Protein backbone atom coordinates (compact mmCIF):
# COMPACT_ATOMS: atom_id res chain seq x y z
CA MET A 1 27.97 -7.72 56.35
CA SER A 2 27.38 -4.74 58.51
CA THR A 3 29.53 -3.64 61.48
CA VAL A 4 28.83 -2.44 64.99
CA THR A 5 30.95 -0.27 67.24
CA ILE A 6 31.93 -1.66 70.61
CA GLU A 7 34.28 -0.76 73.37
CA PHE A 8 36.76 -3.61 73.92
CA ASN A 9 39.07 -3.28 76.95
CA GLY A 10 38.72 0.51 76.83
CA ASN A 11 39.31 0.81 73.03
CA GLU A 12 36.64 1.63 70.53
CA GLU A 13 36.52 -1.05 67.71
CA GLU A 14 34.28 -1.83 64.73
CA VAL A 15 33.48 -5.50 64.37
CA ASP A 16 31.05 -7.64 62.37
CA GLU A 17 27.61 -7.60 63.90
CA ALA A 18 27.52 -11.38 63.76
CA MET A 19 30.70 -11.68 65.84
CA THR A 20 30.40 -13.77 68.99
CA ILE A 21 32.28 -13.32 72.25
CA LEU A 22 34.33 -16.39 71.28
CA ASP A 23 35.17 -14.87 67.84
CA LEU A 24 36.32 -11.70 69.54
CA LEU A 25 38.48 -13.54 71.94
CA GLU A 26 40.05 -15.60 69.12
CA ARG A 27 40.67 -12.48 67.01
CA SER A 28 42.39 -10.87 69.97
CA GLY A 29 44.55 -13.90 70.73
CA VAL A 30 42.94 -14.50 74.09
CA GLU A 31 42.58 -18.14 75.28
CA PRO A 32 38.88 -18.52 76.35
CA ARG A 33 39.76 -21.09 79.05
CA TYR A 34 41.93 -18.52 80.90
CA CYS A 35 39.85 -15.44 80.96
CA ALA A 36 36.68 -13.88 82.34
CA VAL A 37 34.46 -11.68 80.09
CA GLU A 38 32.16 -8.92 81.28
CA VAL A 39 29.68 -7.33 78.83
CA ASN A 40 28.03 -4.09 80.08
CA LEU A 41 29.09 -4.81 83.63
CA GLU A 42 27.69 -8.37 83.63
CA ILE A 43 29.87 -11.49 83.71
CA VAL A 44 29.20 -13.78 80.76
CA PRO A 45 29.24 -17.45 81.54
CA ARG A 46 31.90 -19.35 79.48
CA SER A 47 29.19 -21.57 78.06
CA HIS A 48 27.73 -18.51 76.39
CA TYR A 49 30.85 -17.34 74.58
CA ALA A 50 30.06 -19.16 71.33
CA SER A 51 26.40 -18.09 71.20
CA GLN A 52 26.38 -14.47 72.52
CA CYS A 53 26.83 -11.94 69.69
CA VAL A 54 28.16 -8.49 70.34
CA LYS A 55 25.77 -5.56 69.88
CA GLU A 56 26.17 -1.91 69.03
CA GLY A 57 27.52 0.05 72.01
CA ASP A 58 28.52 -3.06 74.03
CA ARG A 59 31.28 -2.39 76.62
CA ILE A 60 33.33 -5.54 76.83
CA GLU A 61 36.06 -6.13 79.33
CA VAL A 62 38.31 -9.21 79.25
CA VAL A 63 40.53 -10.21 82.21
CA THR A 64 43.07 -12.89 81.60
CA LEU A 65 44.37 -15.20 84.31
CA VAL A 66 48.07 -15.35 84.80
CA GLY A 67 49.98 -18.00 86.64
CA GLY A 68 52.99 -17.23 88.69
CA GLY A 69 54.76 -17.74 91.94
């Protein structure tokens, strides 16, 4: 399987070209229910995480929600 180069939270990474946003989150240990994902400056709806594949040159930012008092 071929790979693509993406920027993930400011770091360049090589990932499988068939990797979805959900796969990327799981690989990174991020709980999909508690984060927001932006791809190329556009928010990705949570309902698209399992179907949207990463593409060469994508800039992906993940913001996790943290509870506290």
